[in-house]
């Protein structure tokens, strides 16, 4: 009895998560150009293109753990565990950064920046509390 050959068909070059992220980033880059922010738009499009290339390369069989985790192209439980820890660290830094941003906005007496900073800070803090509740209950 022979072993069936692997299915040969089209495989999207990057994960669905990366497809959504990079599609949004590309639209943002185009939008920046449309609204006369040429330099920022070009930087965004170039960075998006680089991200897509790195993500596609991370899906190769010979890619390493670090390459896959950095590109959000997780292949196994070990990759997912490393990504969870890294994202948890980013969350702490984001929360502290949002507090600093809010403080600077208030000190500089910038009402719009203060509002946006407050919304970001409350959103991050609320997400943290909900995530803690969920994962403590889940075990």
C-alpha atoms as a PDB file:
ATOM      1  CA  UNK A   1       0.000   0.000   0.000  1.00  0.00           C
ATOM      2  CA  UNK A   2       1.439   3.363  -0.956  1.00  0.00           C
ATOM      3  CA  UNK A   3       1.333   6.513   1.075  1.00  0.00           C
ATOM      4  CA  UNK A   4      -0.853   9.235  -0.368  1.00  0.00           C
ATOM      5  CA  UNK A   5       1.055  12.179  -1.738  1.00  0.00           C
ATOM      6  CA  UNK A   6       0.633  15.508   0.015  1.00  0.00           C
ATOM      7  CA  UNK A   7      -2.088  17.674  -1.436  1.00  0.00           C
ATOM      8  CA  UNK A   8      -0.721  20.138  -3.920  1.00  0.00           C
ATOM      9  CA  UNK A   9      -2.837  23.218  -3.997  1.00  0.00           C
ATOM     10  CA  UNK A  10      -2.633  26.878  -3.363  1.00  0.00           C
ATOM     11  CA  UNK A  11      -1.618  27.803   0.164  1.00  0.00           C
ATOM     12  CA  UNK A  12      -1.982  31.433   1.180  1.00  0.00           C
ATOM     13  CA  UNK A  13       1.573  32.686   1.836  1.00  0.00           C
ATOM     14  CA  UNK A  14       0.846  34.202   5.274  1.00  0.00           C
ATOM     15  CA  UNK A  15      -1.553  33.529   8.151  1.00  0.00           C
ATOM     16  CA  UNK A  16      -5.052  35.009   8.265  1.00  0.00           C
ATOM     17  CA  UNK A  17      -4.026  37.202  11.216  1.00  0.00           C
ATOM     18  CA  UNK A  18      -1.113  38.616   9.246  1.00  0.00           C
ATOM     19  CA  UNK A  19      -3.301  39.023   6.156  1.00  0.00           C
ATOM     20  CA  UNK A  20      -5.709  41.217   8.151  1.00  0.00           C
ATOM     21  CA  UNK A  21      -2.903  43.201   9.813  1.00  0.00           C
ATOM     22  CA  UNK A  22      -1.026  43.821   6.574  1.00  0.00           C
ATOM     23  CA  UNK A  23      -4.177  44.606   4.579  1.00  0.00           C
ATOM     24  CA  UNK A  24      -5.063  47.263   7.149  1.00  0.00           C
ATOM     25  CA  UNK A  25      -1.492  48.605   7.141  1.00  0.00           C
ATOM     26  CA  UNK A  26      -1.507  48.790   3.343  1.00  0.00           C
ATOM     27  CA  UNK A  27      -4.829  50.647   3.336  1.00  0.00           C
ATOM     28  CA  UNK A  28      -3.443  53.003   5.960  1.00  0.00           C
ATOM     29  CA  UNK A  29      -0.382  53.647   3.793  1.00  0.00           C
ATOM     30  CA  UNK A  30      -2.536  54.378   0.749  1.00  0.00           C
ATOM     31  CA  UNK A  31      -4.798  56.587   2.857  1.00  0.00           C
ATOM     32  CA  UNK A  32      -1.818  58.570   4.097  1.00  0.00           C
ATOM     33  CA  UNK A  33      -0.742  59.190   0.504  1.00  0.00           C
ATOM     34  CA  UNK A  34      -4.278  60.197  -0.503  1.00  0.00           C
ATOM     35  CA  UNK A  35      -4.364  62.692   2.383  1.00  0.00           C
ATOM     36  CA  UNK A  36      -1.056  64.237   1.275  1.00  0.00           C
ATOM     37  CA  UNK A  37       1.193  62.487   3.794  1.00  0.00           C
ATOM     38  CA  UNK A  38       3.453  61.060   1.112  1.00  0.00           C
ATOM     39  CA  UNK A  39       6.521  60.259   3.245  1.00  0.00           C
ATOM     40  CA  UNK A  40       4.507  58.533   5.983  1.00  0.00           C
ATOM     41  CA  UNK A  41       2.473  56.635   3.384  1.00  0.00           C
ATOM     42  CA  UNK A  42       5.546  55.397   1.545  1.00  0.00           C
ATOM     43  CA  UNK A  43       7.202  54.326   4.823  1.00  0.00           C
ATOM     44  CA  UNK A  44       4.024  52.458   5.791  1.00  0.00           C
ATOM     45  CA  UNK A  45       3.790  50.676   2.435  1.00  0.00           C
ATOM     46  CA  UNK A  46       7.497  49.741   2.474  1.00  0.00           C
ATOM     47  CA  UNK A  47       7.224  48.458   6.067  1.00  0.00           C
ATOM     48  CA  UNK A  48       4.082  46.500   5.172  1.00  0.00           C
ATOM     49  CA  UNK A  49       5.804  44.937   2.172  1.00  0.00           C
ATOM     50  CA  UNK A  50       8.783  43.946   4.337  1.00  0.00           C
ATOM     51  CA  UNK A  51       6.431  42.468   6.942  1.00  0.00           C
ATOM     52  CA  UNK A  52       4.639  40.368   4.325  1.00  0.00           C
ATOM     53  CA  UNK A  53       7.955  39.081   2.982  1.00  0.00           C
ATOM     54  CA  UNK A  54       9.261  38.196   6.459  1.00  0.00           C
ATOM     55  CA  UNK A  55       5.967  36.514   7.367  1.00  0.00           C
ATOM     56  CA  UNK A  56       5.979  34.451   4.172  1.00  0.00           C
ATOM     57  CA  UNK A  57       9.599  33.420   4.798  1.00  0.00           C
ATOM     58  CA  UNK A  58       8.689  32.380   8.352  1.00  0.00           C
ATOM     59  CA  UNK A  59       6.266  29.787   6.967  1.00  0.00           C
ATOM     60  CA  UNK A  60       9.036  27.813   5.285  1.00  0.00           C
ATOM     61  CA  UNK A  61       9.885  24.423   6.781  1.00  0.00           C
ATOM     62  CA  UNK A  62      13.433  25.489   7.664  1.00  0.00           C
ATOM     63  CA  UNK A  63      12.449  28.667   9.534  1.00  0.00           C
ATOM     64  CA  UNK A  64      13.468  28.923  13.178  1.00  0.00           C
ATOM     65  CA  UNK A  65      11.373  29.474  16.296  1.00  0.00           C
ATOM     66  CA  UNK A  66      12.375  33.116  16.638  1.00  0.00           C
ATOM     67  CA  UNK A  67      11.612  33.830  12.989  1.00  0.00           C
ATOM     68  CA  UNK A  68       8.140  32.264  13.282  1.00  0.00           C
ATOM     69  CA  UNK A  69       7.268  33.987  16.573  1.00  0.00           C
ATOM     70  CA  UNK A  70       8.473  37.388  15.344  1.00  0.00           C
ATOM     71  CA  UNK A  71       6.326  37.022  12.230  1.00  0.00           C
ATOM     72  CA  UNK A  72       3.244  35.706  14.092  1.00  0.00           C
ATOM     73  CA  UNK A  73       3.435  32.537  11.990  1.00  0.00           C
ATOM     74  CA  UNK A  74       3.125  30.127  14.904  1.00  0.00           C
ATOM     75  CA  UNK A  75       3.639  26.459  14.058  1.00  0.00           C
ATOM     76  CA  UNK A  76       3.333  24.606  17.366  1.00  0.00           C
ATOM     77  CA  UNK A  77       2.619  24.903  21.091  1.00  0.00           C
ATOM     78  CA  UNK A  78       6.165  26.008  21.868  1.00  0.00           C
ATOM     79  CA  UNK A  79       5.805  28.924  19.433  1.00  0.00           C
ATOM     80  CA  UNK A  80       2.429  29.819  20.955  1.00  0.00           C
ATOM     81  CA  UNK A  81       3.851  29.742  24.524  1.00  0.00           C
ATOM     82  CA  UNK A  82       6.747  32.022  23.543  1.00  0.00           C
ATOM     83  CA  UNK A  83       4.366  34.409  21.752  1.00  0.00           C
ATOM     84  CA  UNK A  84       2.043  34.547  24.789  1.00  0.00           C
ATOM     85  CA  UNK A  85       4.922  35.484  27.101  1.00  0.00           C
ATOM     86  CA  UNK A  86       6.253  38.076  24.666  1.00  0.00           C
ATOM     87  CA  UNK A  87       2.812  39.617  24.163  1.00  0.00           C
ATOM     88  CA  UNK A  88       2.303  39.737  27.941  1.00  0.00           C
ATOM     89  CA  UNK A  89       5.544  41.716  28.268  1.00  0.00           C
ATOM     90  CA  UNK A  90       4.422  44.054  25.491  1.00  0.00           C
ATOM     91  CA  UNK A  91       1.138  44.567  27.321  1.00  0.00           C
ATOM     92  CA  UNK A  92       2.933  45.715  30.469  1.00  0.00           C
ATOM     93  CA  UNK A  93       5.098  48.115  28.475  1.00  0.00           C
ATOM     94  CA  UNK A  94       2.034  49.423  26.583  1.00  0.00           C
ATOM     95  CA  UNK A  95       0.143  50.043  29.838  1.00  0.00           C
ATOM     96  CA  UNK A  96       3.076  51.931  31.388  1.00  0.00           C
ATOM     97  CA  UNK A  97       3.617  53.847  28.129  1.00  0.00           C
ATOM     98  CA  UNK A  98      -0.052  54.827  28.017  1.00  0.00           C
ATOM     99  CA  UNK A  99       0.190  56.138  31.591  1.00  0.00           C
ATOM    100  CA  UNK A 100       3.236  58.222  30.662  1.00  0.00           C
ATOM    101  CA  UNK A 101       1.540  59.492  27.492  1.00  0.00           C
ATOM    102  CA  UNK A 102      -1.551  60.511  29.454  1.00  0.00           C
ATOM    103  CA  UNK A 103       0.593  62.282  32.063  1.00  0.00           C
ATOM    104  CA  UNK A 104       2.497  64.234  29.401  1.00  0.00           C
ATOM    105  CA  UNK A 105      -0.750  65.183  27.630  1.00  0.00           C
ATOM    106  CA  UNK A 106      -2.243  66.520  30.865  1.00  0.00           C
ATOM    107  CA  UNK A 107       0.935  68.418  31.800  1.00  0.00           C
ATOM    108  CA  UNK A 108       1.127  69.966  28.319  1.00  0.00           C
ATOM    109  CA  UNK A 109      -2.580  70.855  28.571  1.00  0.00           C
ATOM    110  CA  UNK A 110      -3.468  69.212  25.245  1.00  0.00           C
ATOM    111  CA  UNK A 111      -7.213  68.385  25.468  1.00  0.00           C
ATOM    112  CA  UNK A 112      -7.484  66.156  22.379  1.00  0.00           C
ATOM    113  CA  UNK A 113      -4.291  64.233  23.179  1.00  0.00           C
ATOM    114  CA  UNK A 114      -5.433  63.927  26.802  1.00  0.00           C
ATOM    115  CA  UNK A 115      -8.751  62.434  25.672  1.00  0.00           C
ATOM    116  CA  UNK A 116      -7.144  59.980  23.238  1.00  0.00           C
ATOM    117  CA  UNK A 117      -4.535  59.033  25.859  1.00  0.00           C
ATOM    118  CA  UNK A 118      -7.217  58.505  28.497  1.00  0.00           C
ATOM    119  CA  UNK A 119      -9.230  56.295  26.142  1.00  0.00           C
ATOM    120  CA  UNK A 120      -6.112  54.244  25.323  1.00  0.00           C
ATOM    121  CA  UNK A 121      -5.201  53.895  28.998  1.00  0.00           C
ATOM    122  CA  UNK A 122      -8.714  52.847  30.028  1.00  0.00           C
ATOM    123  CA  UNK A 123      -8.945  50.406  27.098  1.00  0.00           C
ATOM    124  CA  UNK A 124      -5.617  48.764  27.964  1.00  0.00           C
ATOM    125  CA  UNK A 125      -6.418  48.591  31.682  1.00  0.00           C
ATOM    126  CA  UNK A 126      -9.881  47.154  31.036  1.00  0.00           C
ATOM    127  CA  UNK A 127      -8.491  44.584  28.608  1.00  0.00           C
ATOM    128  CA  UNK A 128      -5.891  43.589  31.190  1.00  0.00           C
ATOM    129  CA  UNK A 129      -8.540  43.135  33.900  1.00  0.00           C
ATOM    130  CA  UNK A 130     -10.800  41.085  31.611  1.00  0.00           C
ATOM    131  CA  UNK A 131      -7.877  38.945  30.433  1.00  0.00           C
ATOM    132  CA  UNK A 132      -6.803  38.341  34.039  1.00  0.00           C
ATOM    133  CA  UNK A 133     -10.342  37.351  34.986  1.00  0.00           C
ATOM    134  CA  UNK A 134     -10.630  35.009  31.998  1.00  0.00           C
ATOM    135  CA  UNK A 135      -7.290  33.265  32.394  1.00  0.00           C
ATOM    136  CA  UNK A 136      -7.536  32.942  36.198  1.00  0.00           C
ATOM    137  CA  UNK A 137     -10.937  31.266  35.838  1.00  0.00           C
ATOM    138  CA  UNK A 138      -9.783  29.133  32.916  1.00  0.00           C
ATOM    139  CA  UNK A 139      -6.832  27.789  34.885  1.00  0.00           C
END
